[in-house]
Amino acid sequence: YAKDIPMNIYEFKVNDIHNNEVKLDKYKGEVLLIVNV
Protein backbone atom coordinates (compact mmCIF):
# COMPACT_ATOMS: atom_id res chain seq x y z
CA TYR A 1 0.00 0.00 0.00
CA ALA A 2 2.76 2.41 0.98
CA LYS A 3 4.73 2.04 -2.24
CA ASP A 4 1.84 3.68 -4.09
CA ILE A 5 1.65 6.62 -1.67
CA PRO A 6 3.92 9.53 -2.57
CA MET A 7 6.25 10.59 0.22
CA ASN A 8 6.58 14.19 -1.01
CA ILE A 9 5.65 16.45 -3.91
CA TYR A 10 8.79 15.60 -5.87
CA GLU A 11 7.13 12.47 -7.20
CA PHE A 12 4.58 14.47 -9.22
CA LYS A 13 4.55 15.86 -12.73
CA VAL A 14 2.40 18.82 -13.79
CA ASN A 15 2.00 21.02 -16.85
CA ASP A 16 3.16 24.60 -16.81
CA ILE A 17 1.15 27.51 -18.24
CA HIS A 18 2.60 26.70 -21.69
CA ASN A 19 1.53 23.04 -21.33
CA ASN A 20 5.09 21.77 -20.96
CA GLU A 21 5.52 18.89 -18.54
CA VAL A 22 7.35 19.83 -15.37
CA LYS A 23 8.79 17.37 -12.84
CA LEU A 24 8.43 18.87 -9.40
CA ASP A 25 11.75 17.44 -8.28
CA LYS A 26 13.25 20.50 -9.97
CA TYR A 27 12.22 22.33 -6.79
CA LYS A 28 14.19 20.06 -4.45
CA GLY A 29 15.73 21.98 -1.58
CA GLU A 30 13.40 24.96 -1.92
CA VAL A 31 10.52 26.19 0.23
CA LEU A 32 7.29 26.38 -1.79
CA LEU A 33 3.90 28.01 -1.56
CA ILE A 34 1.34 26.30 -3.80
CA VAL A 35 -1.80 28.31 -4.55
CA ASN A 36 -4.91 27.74 -6.65
CA VAL A 37 -5.66 31.08 -8.28
PDB file of all heavy atoms in Angstrom:
ATOM      1  N   TYR A   1       0.836  -1.207   0.000  1.00  0.00           N
ATOM      2  CA  TYR A   1       0.000   0.000   0.000  1.00  0.00           C
ATOM      3  C   TYR A   1       0.867   1.252   0.000  1.00  0.00           C
ATOM      4  O   TYR A   1       0.620   2.187  -0.749  1.00  0.00           O
ATOM      5  CB  TYR A   1      -0.906  -0.014   1.224  1.00  0.00           C
ATOM      6  CG  TYR A   1      -1.820   1.186   1.315  1.00  0.00           C
ATOM      7  CD1 TYR A   1      -2.885   1.334   0.427  1.00  0.00           C
ATOM      8  CD2 TYR A   1      -1.618   2.168   2.287  1.00  0.00           C
ATOM      9  CE1 TYR A   1      -3.728   2.422   0.498  1.00  0.00           C
ATOM     10  CE2 TYR A   1      -2.461   3.264   2.363  1.00  0.00           C
ATOM     11  CZ  TYR A   1      -3.510   3.395   1.477  1.00  0.00           C
ATOM     12  OH  TYR A   1      -4.336   4.483   1.547  1.00  0.00           O
ATOM     13  N   ALA A   2       1.917   1.223   0.806  1.00  0.00           N
ATOM     14  CA  ALA A   2       2.755   2.412   0.975  1.00  0.00           C
ATOM     15  C   ALA A   2       3.545   2.757  -0.269  1.00  0.00           C
ATOM     16  O   ALA A   2       3.831   3.919  -0.526  1.00  0.00           O
ATOM     17  CB  ALA A   2       3.701   2.222   2.159  1.00  0.00           C
ATOM     18  N   LYS A   3       3.903   1.755  -1.064  1.00  0.00           N
ATOM     19  CA  LYS A   3       4.732   2.042  -2.238  1.00  0.00           C
ATOM     20  C   LYS A   3       3.978   2.877  -3.274  1.00  0.00           C
ATOM     21  O   LYS A   3       4.579   3.499  -4.143  1.00  0.00           O
ATOM     22  CB  LYS A   3       5.248   0.748  -2.864  1.00  0.00           C
ATOM     23  CG  LYS A   3       4.215  -0.063  -3.616  1.00  0.00           C
ATOM     24  CD  LYS A   3       4.863  -1.252  -4.295  1.00  0.00           C
ATOM     25  CE  LYS A   3       3.862  -2.011  -5.151  1.00  0.00           C
ATOM     26  NZ  LYS A   3       4.475  -3.123  -5.887  1.00  0.00           N
ATOM     27  N   ASP A   4       2.649   2.884  -3.174  1.00  0.00           N
ATOM     28  CA  ASP A   4       1.839   3.684  -4.090  1.00  0.00           C
ATOM     29  C   ASP A   4       1.500   5.060  -3.530  1.00  0.00           C
ATOM     30  O   ASP A   4       0.844   5.856  -4.181  1.00  0.00           O
ATOM     31  CB  ASP A   4       0.538   2.942  -4.424  1.00  0.00           C
ATOM     32  CG  ASP A   4       0.801   1.655  -5.193  1.00  0.00           C
ATOM     33  OD1 ASP A   4       1.737   1.668  -6.017  1.00  0.00           O
ATOM     34  OD2 ASP A   4       0.097   0.666  -4.970  1.00  0.00           O
ATOM     35  N   ILE A   5       1.924   5.327  -2.284  1.00  0.00           N
ATOM     36  CA  ILE A   5       1.646   6.618  -1.667  1.00  0.00           C
ATOM     37  C   ILE A   5       2.877   7.510  -1.779  1.00  0.00           C
ATOM     38  O   ILE A   5       3.936   7.153  -1.264  1.00  0.00           O
ATOM     39  CB  ILE A   5       1.274   6.451  -0.182  1.00  0.00           C
ATOM     40  CG1 ILE A   5       0.032   5.563  -0.062  1.00  0.00           C
ATOM     41  CG2 ILE A   5       1.033   7.800   0.479  1.00  0.00           C
ATOM     42  CD1 ILE A   5      -0.342   5.239   1.359  1.00  0.00           C
ATOM     43  N   PRO A   6       2.773   8.639  -2.440  1.00  0.00           N
ATOM     44  CA  PRO A   6       3.920   9.534  -2.569  1.00  0.00           C
ATOM     45  C   PRO A   6       4.383  10.026  -1.194  1.00  0.00           C
ATOM     46  O   PRO A   6       3.587  10.267  -0.307  1.00  0.00           O
ATOM     47  CB  PRO A   6       3.360  10.703  -3.399  1.00  0.00           C
ATOM     48  CG  PRO A   6       2.143  10.158  -4.062  1.00  0.00           C
ATOM     49  CD  PRO A   6       1.583   9.151  -3.110  1.00  0.00           C
ATOM     50  N   MET A   7       5.689  10.136  -1.037  1.00  0.00           N
ATOM     51  CA  MET A   7       6.251  10.594   0.220  1.00  0.00           C
ATOM     52  C   MET A   7       6.388  12.109   0.262  1.00  0.00           C
ATOM     53  O   MET A   7       6.459  12.723   1.307  1.00  0.00           O
ATOM     54  CB  MET A   7       7.618   9.942   0.449  1.00  0.00           C
ATOM     55  CG  MET A   7       7.571   8.428   0.524  1.00  0.00           C
ATOM     56  SD  MET A   7       6.500   7.818   1.832  1.00  0.00           S
ATOM     57  CE  MET A   7       7.446   8.289   3.276  1.00  0.00           C
ATOM     58  N   ASN A   8       6.460  12.732  -0.922  1.00  0.00           N
ATOM     59  CA  ASN A   8       6.575  14.185  -1.011  1.00  0.00           C
ATOM     60  C   ASN A   8       6.138  14.636  -2.401  1.00  0.00           C
ATOM     61  O   ASN A   8       5.810  13.809  -3.249  1.00  0.00           O
ATOM     62  CB  ASN A   8       8.010  14.632  -0.698  1.00  0.00           C
ATOM     63  CG  ASN A   8       9.026  13.906  -1.556  1.00  0.00           C
ATOM     64  OD1 ASN A   8       8.939  13.916  -2.772  1.00  0.00           O
ATOM     65  ND2 ASN A   8       9.997  13.256  -0.918  1.00  0.00           N
ATOM     66  N   ILE A   9       6.168  15.938  -2.635  1.00  0.00           N
ATOM     67  CA  ILE A   9       5.650  16.450  -3.909  1.00  0.00           C
ATOM     68  C   ILE A   9       6.593  16.199  -5.080  1.00  0.00           C
ATOM     69  O   ILE A   9       6.194  16.362  -6.244  1.00  0.00           O
ATOM     70  CB  ILE A   9       5.335  17.960  -3.829  1.00  0.00           C
ATOM     71  CG1 ILE A   9       6.617  18.774  -3.687  1.00  0.00           C
ATOM     72  CG2 ILE A   9       4.367  18.269  -2.706  1.00  0.00           C
ATOM     73  CD1 ILE A   9       6.463  20.201  -4.114  1.00  0.00           C
ATOM     74  N   TYR A  10       7.818  15.797  -4.791  1.00  0.00           N
ATOM     75  CA  TYR A  10       8.794  15.604  -5.866  1.00  0.00           C
ATOM     76  C   TYR A  10       8.445  14.445  -6.792  1.00  0.00           C
ATOM     77  O   TYR A  10       9.033  14.305  -7.861  1.00  0.00           O
ATOM     78  CB  TYR A  10      10.190  15.387  -5.286  1.00  0.00           C
ATOM     79  CG  TYR A  10      10.673  16.505  -4.396  1.00  0.00           C
ATOM     80  CD1 TYR A  10      11.433  16.244  -3.266  1.00  0.00           C
ATOM     81  CD2 TYR A  10      10.364  17.842  -4.685  1.00  0.00           C
ATOM     82  CE1 TYR A  10      11.875  17.280  -2.441  1.00  0.00           C
ATOM     83  CE2 TYR A  10      10.801  18.871  -3.866  1.00  0.00           C
ATOM     84  CZ  TYR A  10      11.550  18.584  -2.749  1.00  0.00           C
ATOM     85  OH  TYR A  10      11.987  19.600  -1.938  1.00  0.00           O
ATOM     86  N   GLU A  11       7.507  13.621  -6.391  1.00  0.00           N
ATOM     87  CA  GLU A  11       7.129  12.467  -7.202  1.00  0.00           C
ATOM     88  C   GLU A  11       6.081  12.810  -8.268  1.00  0.00           C
ATOM     89  O   GLU A  11       5.685  11.947  -9.046  1.00  0.00           O
ATOM     90  CB  GLU A  11       6.604  11.355  -6.288  1.00  0.00           C
ATOM     91  CG  GLU A  11       7.653  10.857  -5.296  1.00  0.00           C
ATOM     92  CD  GLU A  11       7.140   9.757  -4.399  1.00  0.00           C
ATOM     93  OE1 GLU A  11       6.383   8.898  -4.896  1.00  0.00           O
ATOM     94  OE2 GLU A  11       7.484   9.753  -3.200  1.00  0.00           O
ATOM     95  N   PHE A  12       5.643  14.074  -8.293  1.00  0.00           N
ATOM     96  CA  PHE A  12       4.582  14.467  -9.223  1.00  0.00           C
ATOM     97  C   PHE A  12       5.108  15.205 -10.449  1.00  0.00           C
ATOM     98  O   PHE A  12       6.163  15.846 -10.405  1.00  0.00           O
ATOM     99  CB  PHE A  12       3.560  15.348  -8.501  1.00  0.00           C
ATOM    100  CG  PHE A  12       2.807  14.627  -7.428  1.00  0.00           C
ATOM    101  CD1 PHE A  12       3.200  14.728  -6.100  1.00  0.00           C
ATOM    102  CD2 PHE A  12       1.715  13.830  -7.737  1.00  0.00           C
ATOM    103  CE1 PHE A  12       2.521  14.053  -5.104  1.00  0.00           C
ATOM    104  CE2 PHE A  12       1.032  13.151  -6.746  1.00  0.00           C
ATOM    105  CZ  PHE A  12       1.430  13.262  -5.428  1.00  0.00           C
ATOM    106  N   LYS A  13       4.313  15.099 -11.502  1.00  0.00           N
ATOM    107  CA  LYS A  13       4.553  15.864 -12.727  1.00  0.00           C
ATOM    108  C   LYS A  13       3.310  16.709 -12.992  1.00  0.00           C
ATOM    109  O   LYS A  13       2.185  16.253 -12.783  1.00  0.00           O
ATOM    110  CB  LYS A  13       4.794  14.933 -13.914  1.00  0.00           C
ATOM    111  CG  LYS A  13       6.006  14.043 -13.781  1.00  0.00           C
ATOM    112  CD  LYS A  13       6.076  13.063 -14.950  1.00  0.00           C
ATOM    113  CE  LYS A  13       7.228  12.086 -14.790  1.00  0.00           C
ATOM    114  NZ  LYS A  13       7.256  11.083 -15.899  1.00  0.00           N
ATOM    115  N   VAL A  14       3.514  17.926 -13.454  1.00  0.00           N
ATOM    116  CA  VAL A  14       2.403  18.819 -13.786  1.00  0.00           C
ATOM    117  C   VAL A  14       2.729  19.521 -15.099  1.00  0.00           C
ATOM    118  O   VAL A  14       3.849  19.424 -15.598  1.00  0.00           O
ATOM    119  CB  VAL A  14       2.172  19.866 -12.664  1.00  0.00           C
ATOM    120  CG1 VAL A  14       1.661  19.199 -11.388  1.00  0.00           C
ATOM    121  CG2 VAL A  14       3.454  20.648 -12.371  1.00  0.00           C
ATOM    122  N   ASN A  15       1.759  20.228 -15.637  1.00  0.00           N
ATOM    123  CA  ASN A  15       1.996  21.015 -16.849  1.00  0.00           C
ATOM    124  C   ASN A  15       2.068  22.489 -16.498  1.00  0.00           C
ATOM    125  O   ASN A  15       1.233  22.997 -15.749  1.00  0.00           O
ATOM    126  CB  ASN A  15       0.878  20.790 -17.874  1.00  0.00           C
ATOM    127  CG  ASN A  15       0.925  19.404 -18.474  1.00  0.00           C
ATOM    128  OD1 ASN A  15       1.980  18.772 -18.532  1.00  0.00           O
ATOM    129  ND2 ASN A  15      -0.213  18.910 -18.923  1.00  0.00           N
ATOM    130  N   ASP A  16       3.060  23.171 -17.072  1.00  0.00           N
ATOM    131  CA  ASP A  16       3.160  24.603 -16.813  1.00  0.00           C
ATOM    132  C   ASP A  16       2.157  25.366 -17.671  1.00  0.00           C
ATOM    133  O   ASP A  16       1.380  24.763 -18.429  1.00  0.00           O
ATOM    134  CB  ASP A  16       4.602  25.103 -17.009  1.00  0.00           C
ATOM    135  CG  ASP A  16       5.069  25.044 -18.461  1.00  0.00           C
ATOM    136  OD1 ASP A  16       4.230  24.897 -19.383  1.00  0.00           O
ATOM    137  OD2 ASP A  16       6.292  25.157 -18.683  1.00  0.00           O
ATOM    138  N   ILE A  17       2.139  26.670 -17.551  1.00  0.00           N
ATOM    139  CA  ILE A  17       1.152  27.508 -18.238  1.00  0.00           C
ATOM    140  C   ILE A  17       1.252  27.400 -19.764  1.00  0.00           C
ATOM    141  O   ILE A  17       0.310  27.710 -20.488  1.00  0.00           O
ATOM    142  CB  ILE A  17       1.296  28.985 -17.783  1.00  0.00           C
ATOM    143  CG1 ILE A  17       0.033  29.796 -18.095  1.00  0.00           C
ATOM    144  CG2 ILE A  17       2.544  29.611 -18.365  1.00  0.00           C
ATOM    145  CD1 ILE A  17      -1.082  29.585 -17.131  1.00  0.00           C
ATOM    146  N   HIS A  18       2.413  26.899 -20.249  1.00  0.00           N
ATOM    147  CA  HIS A  18       2.603  26.698 -21.695  1.00  0.00           C
ATOM    148  C   HIS A  18       2.375  25.243 -22.085  1.00  0.00           C
ATOM    149  O   HIS A  18       2.700  24.840 -23.207  1.00  0.00           O
ATOM    150  CB  HIS A  18       4.020  27.133 -22.098  1.00  0.00           C
ATOM    151  CG  HIS A  18       4.355  28.544 -21.728  1.00  0.00           C
ATOM    152  ND1 HIS A  18       3.738  29.639 -22.299  1.00  0.00           N
ATOM    153  CD2 HIS A  18       5.223  29.041 -20.797  1.00  0.00           C
ATOM    154  CE1 HIS A  18       4.220  30.752 -21.758  1.00  0.00           C
ATOM    155  NE2 HIS A  18       5.115  30.417 -20.853  1.00  0.00           N
ATOM    156  N   ASN A  19       1.834  24.466 -21.137  1.00  0.00           N
ATOM    157  CA  ASN A  19       1.530  23.041 -21.331  1.00  0.00           C
ATOM    158  C   ASN A  19       2.764  22.158 -21.501  1.00  0.00           C
ATOM    159  O   ASN A  19       2.684  21.071 -22.086  1.00  0.00           O
ATOM    160  CB  ASN A  19       0.564  22.827 -22.503  1.00  0.00           C
ATOM    161  CG  ASN A  19      -0.881  23.010 -22.067  1.00  0.00           C
ATOM    162  OD1 ASN A  19      -1.267  22.577 -20.991  1.00  0.00           O
ATOM    163  ND2 ASN A  19      -1.672  23.674 -22.893  1.00  0.00           N
ATOM    164  N   ASN A  20       3.887  22.608 -20.991  1.00  0.00           N
ATOM    165  CA  ASN A  20       5.085  21.773 -20.962  1.00  0.00           C
ATOM    166  C   ASN A  20       5.097  20.980 -19.659  1.00  0.00           C
ATOM    167  O   ASN A  20       4.775  21.515 -18.597  1.00  0.00           O
ATOM    168  CB  ASN A  20       6.352  22.635 -21.037  1.00  0.00           C
ATOM    169  CG  ASN A  20       6.414  23.443 -22.318  1.00  0.00           C
ATOM    170  OD1 ASN A  20       6.195  22.905 -23.403  1.00  0.00           O
ATOM    171  ND2 ASN A  20       6.695  24.728 -22.208  1.00  0.00           N
ATOM    172  N   GLU A  21       5.472  19.717 -19.749  1.00  0.00           N
ATOM    173  CA  GLU A  21       5.520  18.886 -18.541  1.00  0.00           C
ATOM    174  C   GLU A  21       6.672  19.323 -17.631  1.00  0.00           C
ATOM    175  O   GLU A  21       7.782  19.575 -18.093  1.00  0.00           O
ATOM    176  CB  GLU A  21       5.702  17.414 -18.918  1.00  0.00           C
ATOM    177  CG  GLU A  21       5.646  16.478 -17.717  1.00  0.00           C
ATOM    178  CD  GLU A  21       5.781  15.020 -18.093  1.00  0.00           C
ATOM    179  OE1 GLU A  21       6.928  14.558 -18.254  1.00  0.00           O
ATOM    180  OE2 GLU A  21       4.727  14.343 -18.254  1.00  0.00           O
ATOM    181  N   VAL A  22       6.353  19.413 -16.363  1.00  0.00           N
ATOM    182  CA  VAL A  22       7.349  19.826 -15.371  1.00  0.00           C
ATOM    183  C   VAL A  22       7.393  18.778 -14.253  1.00  0.00           C
ATOM    184  O   VAL A  22       6.372  18.438 -13.670  1.00  0.00           O
ATOM    185  CB  VAL A  22       6.997  21.199 -14.752  1.00  0.00           C
ATOM    186  CG1 VAL A  22       7.994  21.558 -13.654  1.00  0.00           C
ATOM    187  CG2 VAL A  22       6.950  22.271 -15.818  1.00  0.00           C
ATOM    188  N   LYS A  23       8.591  18.277 -13.972  1.00  0.00           N
ATOM    189  CA  LYS A  23       8.785  17.373 -12.844  1.00  0.00           C
ATOM    190  C   LYS A  23       9.068  18.231 -11.618  1.00  0.00           C
ATOM    191  O   LYS A  23       9.980  19.060 -11.630  1.00  0.00           O
ATOM    192  CB  LYS A  23       9.946  16.421 -13.106  1.00  0.00           C
ATOM    193  CG  LYS A  23       9.696  15.451 -14.253  1.00  0.00           C
ATOM    194  CD  LYS A  23      10.893  14.547 -14.467  1.00  0.00           C
ATOM    195  CE  LYS A  23      10.649  13.571 -15.621  1.00  0.00           C
ATOM    196  NZ  LYS A  23      11.825  12.695 -15.857  1.00  0.00           N
ATOM    197  N   LEU A  24       8.294  18.009 -10.573  1.00  0.00           N
ATOM    198  CA  LEU A  24       8.431  18.873  -9.398  1.00  0.00           C
ATOM    199  C   LEU A  24       9.707  18.642  -8.605  1.00  0.00           C
ATOM    200  O   LEU A  24      10.025  19.420  -7.701  1.00  0.00           O
ATOM    201  CB  LEU A  24       7.201  18.720  -8.491  1.00  0.00           C
ATOM    202  CG  LEU A  24       5.893  19.237  -9.097  1.00  0.00           C
ATOM    203  CD1 LEU A  24       4.760  19.148  -8.086  1.00  0.00           C
ATOM    204  CD2 LEU A  24       6.039  20.678  -9.595  1.00  0.00           C
ATOM    205  N   ASP A  25      10.468  17.616  -8.968  1.00  0.00           N
ATOM    206  CA  ASP A  25      11.746  17.439  -8.281  1.00  0.00           C
ATOM    207  C   ASP A  25      12.749  18.533  -8.665  1.00  0.00           C
ATOM    208  O   ASP A  25      13.816  18.640  -8.054  1.00  0.00           O
ATOM    209  CB  ASP A  25      12.322  16.039  -8.526  1.00  0.00           C
ATOM    210  CG  ASP A  25      12.613  15.758 -10.000  1.00  0.00           C
ATOM    211  OD1 ASP A  25      12.430  16.655 -10.845  1.00  0.00           O
ATOM    212  OD2 ASP A  25      13.024  14.622 -10.291  1.00  0.00           O
ATOM    213  N   LYS A  26      12.394  19.356  -9.640  1.00  0.00           N
ATOM    214  CA  LYS A  26      13.248  20.498  -9.971  1.00  0.00           C
ATOM    215  C   LYS A  26      13.277  21.511  -8.822  1.00  0.00           C
ATOM    216  O   LYS A  26      14.161  22.367  -8.761  1.00  0.00           O
ATOM    217  CB  LYS A  26      12.768  21.182 -11.251  1.00  0.00           C
ATOM    218  CG  LYS A  26      11.443  21.911 -11.132  1.00  0.00           C
ATOM    219  CD  LYS A  26      11.081  22.696 -12.393  1.00  0.00           C
ATOM    220  CE  LYS A  26      11.790  24.015 -12.450  1.00  0.00           C
ATOM    221  NZ  LYS A  26      11.362  24.879 -13.555  1.00  0.00           N
ATOM    222  N   TYR A  27      12.299  21.392  -7.914  1.00  0.00           N
ATOM    223  CA  TYR A  27      12.218  22.326  -6.785  1.00  0.00           C
ATOM    224  C   TYR A  27      12.837  21.753  -5.500  1.00  0.00           C
ATOM    225  O   TYR A  27      12.644  22.312  -4.422  1.00  0.00           O
ATOM    226  CB  TYR A  27      10.756  22.682  -6.507  1.00  0.00           C
ATOM    227  CG  TYR A  27      10.101  23.458  -7.631  1.00  0.00           C
ATOM    228  CD1 TYR A  27       9.221  22.833  -8.509  1.00  0.00           C
ATOM    229  CD2 TYR A  27      10.373  24.815  -7.818  1.00  0.00           C
ATOM    230  CE1 TYR A  27       8.615  23.534  -9.540  1.00  0.00           C
ATOM    231  CE2 TYR A  27       9.770  25.520  -8.844  1.00  0.00           C
ATOM    232  CZ  TYR A  27       8.899  24.881  -9.709  1.00  0.00           C
ATOM    233  OH  TYR A  27       8.306  25.587 -10.730  1.00  0.00           O
ATOM    234  N   LYS A  28      13.567  20.666  -5.629  1.00  0.00           N
ATOM    235  CA  LYS A  28      14.194  20.063  -4.448  1.00  0.00           C
ATOM    236  C   LYS A  28      15.059  21.081  -3.714  1.00  0.00           C
ATOM    237  O   LYS A  28      15.820  21.830  -4.335  1.00  0.00           O
ATOM    238  CB  LYS A  28      15.046  18.855  -4.847  1.00  0.00           C
ATOM    239  CG  LYS A  28      14.260  17.567  -4.984  1.00  0.00           C
ATOM    240  CD  LYS A  28      15.178  16.388  -5.259  1.00  0.00           C
ATOM    241  CE  LYS A  28      14.378  15.094  -5.351  1.00  0.00           C
ATOM    242  NZ  LYS A  28      15.235  13.930  -5.656  1.00  0.00           N
ATOM    243  N   GLY A  29      14.921  21.086  -2.397  1.00  0.00           N
ATOM    244  CA  GLY A  29      15.733  21.979  -1.580  1.00  0.00           C
ATOM    245  C   GLY A  29      15.174  23.378  -1.419  1.00  0.00           C
ATOM    246  O   GLY A  29      15.779  24.213  -0.740  1.00  0.00           O
ATOM    247  N   GLU A  30      13.992  23.625  -2.011  1.00  0.00           N
ATOM    248  CA  GLU A  30      13.401  24.962  -1.922  1.00  0.00           C
ATOM    249  C   GLU A  30      12.086  24.925  -1.131  1.00  0.00           C
ATOM    250  O   GLU A  30      11.389  23.916  -1.112  1.00  0.00           O
ATOM    251  CB  GLU A  30      13.151  25.516  -3.326  1.00  0.00           C
ATOM    252  CG  GLU A  30      14.448  25.726  -4.094  1.00  0.00           C
ATOM    253  CD  GLU A  30      14.230  26.295  -5.483  1.00  0.00           C
ATOM    254  OE1 GLU A  30      13.416  25.728  -6.236  1.00  0.00           O
ATOM    255  OE2 GLU A  30      14.876  27.291  -5.820  1.00  0.00           O
ATOM    256  N   VAL A  31      11.789  26.028  -0.498  1.00  0.00           N
ATOM    257  CA  VAL A  31      10.521  26.186   0.225  1.00  0.00           C
ATOM    258  C   VAL A  31       9.487  26.672  -0.786  1.00  0.00           C
ATOM    259  O   VAL A  31       9.750  27.599  -1.565  1.00  0.00           O
ATOM    260  CB  VAL A  31      10.666  27.191   1.385  1.00  0.00           C
ATOM    261  CG1 VAL A  31       9.307  27.468   2.039  1.00  0.00           C
ATOM    262  CG2 VAL A  31      11.653  26.662   2.419  1.00  0.00           C
ATOM    263  N   LEU A  32       8.305  26.057  -0.779  1.00  0.00           N
ATOM    264  CA  LEU A  32       7.292  26.379  -1.791  1.00  0.00           C
ATOM    265  C   LEU A  32       5.976  26.811  -1.161  1.00  0.00           C
ATOM    266  O   LEU A  32       5.613  26.360  -0.073  1.00  0.00           O
ATOM    267  CB  LEU A  32       7.023  25.150  -2.670  1.00  0.00           C
ATOM    268  CG  LEU A  32       8.215  24.462  -3.318  1.00  0.00           C
ATOM    269  CD1 LEU A  32       7.751  23.212  -4.052  1.00  0.00           C
ATOM    270  CD2 LEU A  32       8.947  25.401  -4.265  1.00  0.00           C
ATOM    271  N   LEU A  33       5.287  27.670  -1.889  1.00  0.00           N
ATOM    272  CA  LEU A  33       3.904  28.006  -1.561  1.00  0.00           C
ATOM    273  C   LEU A  33       3.083  27.684  -2.798  1.00  0.00           C
ATOM    274  O   LEU A  33       3.304  28.270  -3.871  1.00  0.00           O
ATOM    275  CB  LEU A  33       3.764  29.488  -1.193  1.00  0.00           C
ATOM    276  CG  LEU A  33       2.399  29.899  -0.613  1.00  0.00           C
ATOM    277  CD1 LEU A  33       2.173  29.238   0.751  1.00  0.00           C
ATOM    278  CD2 LEU A  33       2.284  31.412  -0.475  1.00  0.00           C
ATOM    279  N   ILE A  34       2.177  26.732  -2.670  1.00  0.00           N
ATOM    280  CA  ILE A  34       1.342  26.305  -3.800  1.00  0.00           C
ATOM    281  C   ILE A  34      -0.056  26.881  -3.612  1.00  0.00           C
ATOM    282  O   ILE A  34      -0.674  26.718  -2.560  1.00  0.00           O
ATOM    283  CB  ILE A  34       1.293  24.764  -3.889  1.00  0.00           C
ATOM    284  CG1 ILE A  34       2.715  24.225  -4.091  1.00  0.00           C
ATOM    285  CG2 ILE A  34       0.375  24.323  -5.025  1.00  0.00           C
ATOM    286  CD1 ILE A  34       2.799  22.707  -4.154  1.00  0.00           C
ATOM    287  N   VAL A  35      -0.538  27.570  -4.657  1.00  0.00           N
ATOM    288  CA  VAL A  35      -1.800  28.311  -4.548  1.00  0.00           C
ATOM    289  C   VAL A  35      -2.684  28.041  -5.763  1.00  0.00           C
ATOM    290  O   VAL A  35      -2.199  28.064  -6.900  1.00  0.00           O
ATOM    291  CB  VAL A  35      -1.534  29.844  -4.479  1.00  0.00           C
ATOM    292  CG1 VAL A  35      -2.795  30.589  -4.083  1.00  0.00           C
ATOM    293  CG2 VAL A  35      -0.388  30.165  -3.535  1.00  0.00           C
ATOM    294  N   ASN A  36      -3.974  27.793  -5.528  1.00  0.00           N
ATOM    295  CA  ASN A  36      -4.910  27.741  -6.653  1.00  0.00           C
ATOM    296  C   ASN A  36      -5.486  29.152  -6.843  1.00  0.00           C
ATOM    297  O   ASN A  36      -5.973  29.764  -5.897  1.00  0.00           O
ATOM    298  CB  ASN A  36      -6.020  26.711  -6.431  1.00  0.00           C
ATOM    299  CG  ASN A  36      -6.893  26.999  -5.233  1.00  0.00           C
ATOM    300  OD1 ASN A  36      -6.425  26.997  -4.095  1.00  0.00           O
ATOM    301  ND2 ASN A  36      -8.185  27.264  -5.469  1.00  0.00           N
ATOM    302  N   VAL A  37      -5.364  29.664  -8.038  1.00  0.00           N
ATOM    303  CA  VAL A  37      -5.663  31.080  -8.285  1.00  0.00           C
ATOM    304  C   VAL A  37      -6.803  31.265  -9.292  1.00  0.00           C
ATOM    305  O   VAL A  37      -7.204  30.335  -9.984  1.00  0.00           O
ATOM    306  CB  VAL A  37      -4.399  31.808  -8.804  1.00  0.00           C
ATOM    307  CG1 VAL A  37      -3.318  31.815  -7.728  1.00  0.00           C
ATOM    308  CG2 VAL A  37      -3.868  31.149 -10.077  1.00  0.00           C
TER     309      VAL A  37
END
